[in-house]
C-alpha atoms as a PDB file:
ATOM      1  CA  MET A   1       3.830 -31.404  24.988  1.00  0.00           C
ATOM      2  CA  SER A   2       3.880 -29.352  21.826  1.00  0.00           C
ATOM      3  CA  ALA A   3       1.670 -26.618  20.486  1.00  0.00           C
ATOM      4  CA  LEU A   4      -1.293 -27.810  18.500  1.00  0.00           C
ATOM      5  CA  THR A   5      -2.332 -26.002  15.406  1.00  0.00           C
ATOM      6  CA  GLY A   6      -6.016 -25.800  14.711  1.00  0.00           C
ATOM      7  CA  GLU A   7      -7.377 -26.530  11.303  1.00  0.00           C
ATOM      8  CA  PRO A   8      -5.996 -23.959   8.915  1.00  0.00           C
ATOM      9  CA  VAL A   9      -8.479 -21.244   8.269  1.00  0.00           C
ATOM     10  CA  PRO A  10      -9.809 -21.654   4.720  1.00  0.00           C
ATOM     11  CA  GLY A  11      -8.155 -19.339   2.245  1.00  0.00           C
ATOM     12  CA  HIS A  12      -5.241 -17.060   3.029  1.00  0.00           C
ATOM     13  CA  GLY A  13      -6.488 -13.653   4.058  1.00  0.00           C
ATOM     14  CA  GLN A  14      -9.468 -15.038   5.934  1.00  0.00           C
ATOM     15  CA  ASP A  15     -11.743 -12.323   7.236  1.00  0.00           C
ATOM     16  CA  TRP A  16     -10.432 -10.981  10.563  1.00  0.00           C
ATOM     17  CA  ASP A  17     -13.839 -11.223  12.235  1.00  0.00           C
ATOM     18  CA  ASP A  18     -14.039 -14.927  11.331  1.00  0.00           C
ATOM     19  CA  LEU A  19     -10.577 -15.564  12.782  1.00  0.00           C
ATOM     20  CA  VAL A  20     -11.488 -13.794  16.008  1.00  0.00           C
ATOM     21  CA  ARG A  21     -14.739 -15.768  16.224  1.00  0.00           C
ATOM     22  CA  ILE A  22     -12.832 -19.061  15.814  1.00  0.00           C
ATOM     23  CA  TRP A  23     -10.322 -17.897  18.469  1.00  0.00           C
ATOM     24  CA  GLU A  24     -13.102 -16.985  20.905  1.00  0.00           C
ATOM     25  CA  GLU A  25     -14.951 -20.270  20.338  1.00  0.00           C
ATOM     26  CA  THR A  26     -11.931 -22.575  20.602  1.00  0.00           C
ATOM     27  CA  ASP A  27     -12.553 -24.863  23.559  1.00  0.00           C
ATOM     28  CA  ALA A  28      -9.101 -25.688  24.910  1.00  0.00           C
ATOM     29  CA  PRO A  29      -8.303 -27.553  28.129  1.00  0.00           C
ATOM     30  CA  GLU A  30      -7.890 -25.413  31.218  1.00  0.00           C
ATOM     31  CA  GLY A  31      -4.528 -23.673  31.409  1.00  0.00           C
ATOM     32  CA  CYS A  32      -3.862 -23.878  27.671  1.00  0.00           C
ATOM     33  CA  LYS A  33      -3.103 -20.759  25.681  1.00  0.00           C
ATOM     34  CA  VAL A  34      -5.111 -20.103  22.515  1.00  0.00           C
ATOM     35  CA  GLU A  35      -3.567 -17.590  20.113  1.00  0.00           C
ATOM     36  CA  ILE A  36      -3.763 -16.542  16.484  1.00  0.00           C
ATOM     37  CA  ILE A  37      -0.262 -16.670  15.038  1.00  0.00           C
ATOM     38  CA  GLU A  38       0.149 -15.848  11.356  1.00  0.00           C
ATOM     39  CA  GLU A  39      -3.590 -16.316  10.770  1.00  0.00           C
ATOM     40  CA  ILE A  40      -3.674 -19.795  12.367  1.00  0.00           C
ATOM     41  CA  VAL A  41      -5.439 -20.551  15.632  1.00  0.00           C
ATOM     42  CA  THR A  42      -2.835 -22.254  17.835  1.00  0.00           C
ATOM     43  CA  VAL A  43      -3.274 -24.040  21.179  1.00  0.00           C
ATOM     44  CA  SER A  44      -0.284 -24.424  23.509  1.00  0.00           C
ATOM     45  CA  PRO A  45      -0.258 -26.642  26.609  1.00  0.00           C
ATOM     46  CA  PRO A  46       0.071 -25.155  30.088  1.00  0.00           C
ATOM     47  CA  PRO A  47       3.613 -23.942  30.795  1.00  0.00           C
ATOM     48  CA  SER A  48       6.114 -25.825  32.947  1.00  0.00           C
ATOM     49  CA  ASN A  49       6.799 -25.006  36.585  1.00  0.00           C
ATOM     50  CA  ASP A  50      10.151 -23.413  35.636  1.00  0.00           C
ATOM     51  CA  HIS A  51       8.369 -21.253  33.063  1.00  0.00           C
ATOM     52  CA  ASN A  52       5.800 -20.112  35.644  1.00  0.00           C
ATOM     53  CA  THR A  53       8.525 -19.457  38.233  1.00  0.00           C
ATOM     54  CA  THR A  54      10.434 -17.264  35.772  1.00  0.00           C
ATOM     55  CA  ALA A  55       7.284 -15.246  35.047  1.00  0.00           C
ATOM     56  CA  ALA A  56       6.498 -14.880  38.756  1.00  0.00           C
ATOM     57  CA  LEU A  57      10.027 -13.756  39.650  1.00  0.00           C
ATOM     58  CA  LEU A  58      10.069 -11.124  36.917  1.00  0.00           C
ATOM     59  CA  GLN A  59       6.537  -9.973  37.720  1.00  0.00           C
ATOM     60  CA  ARG A  60       7.486  -9.470  41.386  1.00  0.00           C
ATOM     61  CA  ARG A  61      10.401  -7.230  40.329  1.00  0.00           C
ATOM     62  CA  LEU A  62       8.330  -5.234  37.843  1.00  0.00           C
ATOM     63  CA  TYR A  63       5.664  -4.433  40.437  1.00  0.00           C
ATOM     64  CA  THR A  64       8.281  -2.592  42.506  1.00  0.00           C
ATOM     65  CA  ILE A  65       8.885   0.010  39.776  1.00  0.00           C
ATOM     66  CA  ILE A  66       5.791   0.447  37.577  1.00  0.00           C
ATOM     67  CA  PRO A  67       3.440   3.410  38.080  1.00  0.00           C
ATOM     68  CA  GLU A  68       0.324   2.853  40.201  1.00  0.00           C
ATOM     69  CA  ASP A  69      -1.959   3.121  37.166  1.00  0.00           C
ATOM     70  CA  TRP A  70      -0.164   0.344  35.228  1.00  0.00           C
ATOM     71  CA  GLU A  71      -0.714  -3.399  35.641  1.00  0.00           C
ATOM     72  CA  ILE A  72       1.020  -6.619  34.707  1.00  0.00           C
ATOM     73  CA  TYR A  73      -1.130  -9.296  33.097  1.00  0.00           C
ATOM     74  CA  GLN A  74      -0.411 -12.962  32.336  1.00  0.00           C
ATOM     75  CA  THR A  75      -3.452 -13.829  30.239  1.00  0.00           C
ATOM     76  CA  LEU A  76      -4.246 -10.595  28.381  1.00  0.00           C
ATOM     77  CA  GLY A  77      -4.742 -10.944  24.638  1.00  0.00           C
ATOM     78  CA  LEU A  78      -2.960  -8.429  22.426  1.00  0.00           C
ATOM     79  CA  SER A  79      -4.506  -7.772  19.028  1.00  0.00           C
ATOM     80  CA  LEU A  80      -2.051  -7.019  16.252  1.00  0.00           C
ATOM     81  CA  PRO A  81      -2.921  -4.877  13.240  1.00  0.00           C
ATOM     82  CA  GLY A  82      -2.910  -6.158   9.716  1.00  0.00           C
ATOM     83  CA  ARG A  83      -4.627  -9.402  10.741  1.00  0.00           C
ATOM     84  CA  VAL A  84      -1.356 -10.811  11.998  1.00  0.00           C
ATOM     85  CA  GLY A  85      -2.983 -12.300  15.060  1.00  0.00           C
ATOM     86  CA  ILE A  86      -3.828 -12.270  18.705  1.00  0.00           C
ATOM     87  CA  TYR A  87      -0.948 -13.069  21.028  1.00  0.00           C
ATOM     88  CA  ILE A  88      -1.145 -13.822  24.731  1.00  0.00           C
ATOM     89  CA  PRO A  89       2.272 -12.960  26.129  1.00  0.00           C
ATOM     90  CA  ASP A  90       3.611 -14.501  29.318  1.00  0.00           C
ATOM     91  CA  LEU A  91       3.657 -11.001  30.830  1.00  0.00           C
ATOM     92  CA  VAL A  92       2.433  -7.693  29.470  1.00  0.00           C
ATOM     93  CA  VAL A  93       2.609  -4.285  31.125  1.00  0.00           C
ATOM     94  CA  VAL A  94      -0.148  -1.855  30.111  1.00  0.00           C
ATOM     95  CA  PRO A  95      -1.932   1.086  31.669  1.00  0.00           C
ATOM     96  CA  ARG A  96      -4.857  -0.258  33.713  1.00  0.00           C
ATOM     97  CA  ALA A  97      -7.363   1.933  31.825  1.00  0.00           C
ATOM     98  CA  VAL A  98      -6.440   0.211  28.545  1.00  0.00           C
ATOM     99  CA  ALA A  99      -7.353  -3.227  29.918  1.00  0.00           C
ATOM    100  CA  SER A 100     -10.702  -2.148  31.391  1.00  0.00           C
ATOM    101  CA  GLY A 101     -14.035  -3.267  30.014  1.00  0.00           C
ATOM    102  CA  PRO A 102     -15.601  -6.408  28.585  1.00  0.00           C
ATOM    103  CA  ARG A 103     -13.232  -6.941  25.635  1.00  0.00           C
ATOM    104  CA  SER A 104     -10.935  -9.959  25.482  1.00  0.00           C
ATOM    105  CA  THR A 105      -8.027  -8.091  23.898  1.00  0.00           C
ATOM    106  CA  VAL A 106      -6.288  -4.730  23.815  1.00  0.00           C
ATOM    107  CA  PRO A 107      -4.324  -3.208  20.932  1.00  0.00           C
ATOM    108  CA  ALA A 108      -0.726  -4.444  21.069  1.00  0.00           C
ATOM    109  CA  ASP A 109       0.666  -0.947  20.599  1.00  0.00           C
ATOM    110  CA  GLU A 110      -0.730  -0.031  24.032  1.00  0.00           C
ATOM    111  CA  ALA A 111       1.759  -2.394  25.699  1.00  0.00           C
ATOM    112  CA  ARG A 112       4.680  -0.743  27.465  1.00  0.00           C
ATOM    113  CA  LEU A 113       6.528  -4.058  27.805  1.00  0.00           C
ATOM    114  CA  VAL A 114       5.852  -7.563  26.524  1.00  0.00           C
ATOM    115  CA  VAL A 115       7.660 -10.622  27.897  1.00  0.00           C
ATOM    116  CA  GLU A 116       7.721 -14.034  26.256  1.00  0.00           C
ATOM    117  CA  ILE A 117       9.393 -17.046  27.875  1.00  0.00           C
ATOM    118  CA  THR A 118      10.147 -19.772  25.368  1.00  0.00           C
ATOM    119  CA  SER A 119       8.962 -23.327  25.815  1.00  0.00           C
ATOM    120  CA  ARG A 120      10.780 -26.175  24.116  1.00  0.00           C
ATOM    121  CA  ALA A 121       7.833 -27.068  21.883  1.00  0.00           C
ATOM    122  CA  ASN A 122       6.999 -23.634  20.506  1.00  0.00           C
ATOM    123  CA  ALA A 123      10.159 -21.552  20.926  1.00  0.00           C
ATOM    124  CA  ASN A 124      10.213 -20.563  17.255  1.00  0.00           C
ATOM    125  CA  HIS A 125       6.868 -18.790  17.589  1.00  0.00           C
ATOM    126  CA  ASP A 126       8.461 -16.531  20.218  1.00  0.00           C
ATOM    127  CA  ARG A 127      11.826 -16.187  18.446  1.00  0.00           C
ATOM    128  CA  VAL A 128      10.510 -15.421  14.967  1.00  0.00           C
ATOM    129  CA  SER A 129       6.761 -14.897  14.511  1.00  0.00           C
ATOM    130  CA  LYS A 130       6.206 -12.921  17.690  1.00  0.00           C
ATOM    131  CA  VAL A 131       9.359 -10.818  17.356  1.00  0.00           C
ATOM    132  CA  ASN A 132       8.153  -9.748  13.904  1.00  0.00           C
ATOM    133  CA  GLY A 133       4.533  -9.352  15.008  1.00  0.00           C
ATOM    134  CA  TYR A 134       5.301  -7.233  18.062  1.00  0.00           C
ATOM    135  CA  ALA A 135       7.677  -5.036  16.031  1.00  0.00           C
ATOM    136  CA  LYS A 136       5.071  -4.555  13.311  1.00  0.00           C
ATOM    137  CA  ALA A 137       2.478  -3.657  15.952  1.00  0.00           C
ATOM    138  CA  GLY A 138       4.796  -1.036  17.458  1.00  0.00           C
ATOM    139  CA  VAL A 139       5.248  -2.623  20.899  1.00  0.00           C
ATOM    140  CA  GLU A 140       7.855  -0.410  22.612  1.00  0.00           C
ATOM    141  CA  LEU A 141       9.868  -3.090  24.422  1.00  0.00           C
ATOM    142  CA  PHE A 142       9.900  -6.858  23.974  1.00  0.00           C
ATOM    143  CA  LEU A 143      11.871  -9.064  26.360  1.00  0.00           C
ATOM    144  CA  LEU A 144      12.502 -12.613  25.166  1.00  0.00           C
ATOM    145  CA  LEU A 145      13.609 -14.991  27.904  1.00  0.00           C
ATOM    146  CA  ASP A 146      14.905 -18.075  26.136  1.00  0.00           C
ATOM    147  CA  PRO A 147      15.995 -20.932  28.406  1.00  0.00           C
ATOM    148  CA  TRP A 148      16.098 -23.206  25.314  1.00  0.00           C
ATOM    149  CA  HIS A 149      18.475 -21.072  23.227  1.00  0.00           C
ATOM    150  CA  SER A 150      21.139 -23.415  21.799  1.00  0.00           C
ATOM    151  CA  GLY A 151      21.846 -24.941  25.188  1.00  0.00           C
ATOM    152  CA  ARG A 152      22.804 -21.506  26.539  1.00  0.00           C
ATOM    153  CA  PRO A 153      19.828 -19.706  28.042  1.00  0.00           C
ATOM    154  CA  THR A 154      19.644 -16.066  26.981  1.00  0.00           C
ATOM    155  CA  ALA A 155      17.643 -12.919  27.626  1.00  0.00           C
ATOM    156  CA  THR A 156      17.220 -10.549  24.681  1.00  0.00           C
ATOM    157  CA  LEU A 157      15.678  -7.090  24.892  1.00  0.00           C
ATOM    158  CA  TYR A 158      14.233  -5.699  21.675  1.00  0.00           C
ATOM    159  CA  GLY A 159      13.171  -2.077  21.174  1.00  0.00           C
ATOM    160  CA  GLU A 160      12.883   0.825  18.750  1.00  0.00           C
ATOM    161  CA  PRO A 161      10.479  -0.999  16.401  1.00  0.00           C
ATOM    162  CA  GLU A 162      10.541   0.055  12.776  1.00  0.00           C
ATOM    163  CA  GLY A 163       8.389  -1.782  10.263  1.00  0.00           C
ATOM    164  CA  ARG A 164       8.631  -5.489  11.081  1.00  0.00           C
ATOM    165  CA  THR A 165      12.021  -5.102  12.682  1.00  0.00           C
ATOM    166  CA  TYR A 166      13.311  -4.417  16.163  1.00  0.00           C
ATOM    167  CA  ARG A 167      16.707  -3.217  17.186  1.00  0.00           C
ATOM    168  CA  VAL A 168      18.379  -5.618  19.629  1.00  0.00           C
ATOM    169  CA  LEU A 169      19.038  -3.405  22.646  1.00  0.00           C
ATOM    170  CA  GLU A 170      20.825  -6.029  24.741  1.00  0.00           C
ATOM    171  CA  THR A 171      21.426  -9.781  24.873  1.00  0.00           C
ATOM    172  CA  VAL A 172      22.867 -11.591  27.870  1.00  0.00           C
ATOM    173  CA  GLU A 173      23.325 -15.202  28.860  1.00  0.00           C
ATOM    174  CA  TYR A 174      21.466 -16.265  31.986  1.00  0.00           C
ATOM    175  CA  GLY A 175      23.630 -15.453  34.972  1.00  0.00           C
ATOM    176  CA  ARG A 176      24.274 -11.876  33.836  1.00  0.00           C
ATOM    177  CA  LYS A 177      22.283  -8.707  34.354  1.00  0.00           C
ATOM    178  CA  LEU A 178      20.079  -6.994  31.764  1.00  0.00           C
ATOM    179  CA  THR A 179      18.747  -3.444  32.082  1.00  0.00           C
ATOM    180  CA  LEU A 180      15.256  -2.386  31.057  1.00  0.00           C
ATOM    181  CA  PRO A 181      15.429   1.261  29.953  1.00  0.00           C
ATOM    182  CA  GLU A 182      13.126   4.028  31.168  1.00  0.00           C
ATOM    183  CA  PRO A 183      10.300   4.220  31.984  1.00  0.00           C
ATOM    184  CA  PHE A 184      11.315   1.037  33.835  1.00  0.00           C
ATOM    185  CA  GLY A 185      14.945   1.627  34.763  1.00  0.00           C
ATOM    186  CA  LEU A 186      15.155  -1.904  36.144  1.00  0.00           C
ATOM    187  CA  VAL A 187      18.215  -4.130  36.328  1.00  0.00           C
ATOM    188  CA  ILE A 188      17.185  -7.782  35.958  1.00  0.00           C
ATOM    189  CA  ASP A 189      19.468 -10.415  37.440  1.00  0.00           C
ATOM    190  CA  THR A 190      18.885 -13.385  35.133  1.00  0.00           C
ATOM    191  CA  SER A 191      20.779 -15.736  37.470  1.00  0.00           C
ATOM    192  CA  VAL A 192      17.576 -16.147  39.502  1.00  0.00           C
ATOM    193  CA  PHE A 193      15.677 -17.691  36.575  1.00  0.00           C
ATOM    194  CA  PRO A 194      15.486 -21.499  36.558  1.00  0.00           C
ATOM    195  CA  VAL A 195      17.142 -23.347  33.701  1.00  0.00           C
ATOM    196  CA  SER A 196      15.401 -26.480  32.477  1.00  0.00           C
END
């Protein structure tokens, strides 16, 4: 299944409050992800079993090293400044206090780590739009797990955001190890991730 794009919002530069209202009111099937990507409300189907397994394996490892007052979320909306959008990463690590309260989103720059796992149908959102969006928002670390990368699954760690650009800190093919820097200090063995 591929990502569905909602009707384009009338007029480029649509009012942010209107976009958020459309996002909040979008009635998608259970398990689907509704995001605003480049000012367009987008609905993605539920992820595959391999995708969910990858997220679960990484989440299990992260819980062993994060501080007690941080959490890992799978359905937390991150709002990006400049009306870029609202992204729902596959995993996001934020201080628990930031994600408290009745809101549906938190500011993206509060994230300590964001993880996106590409799906065949919408990989370019993760590889291009979200890399730029997270960098622009000032997200400290962005880990892109890409089992669909040119037939050779890869893990790429981005960091040191400046403007709309990240520095690539490390890229490895699945089967090798990748190190998350402090405050994580975690070595990730990508050989445990399923390859579709």
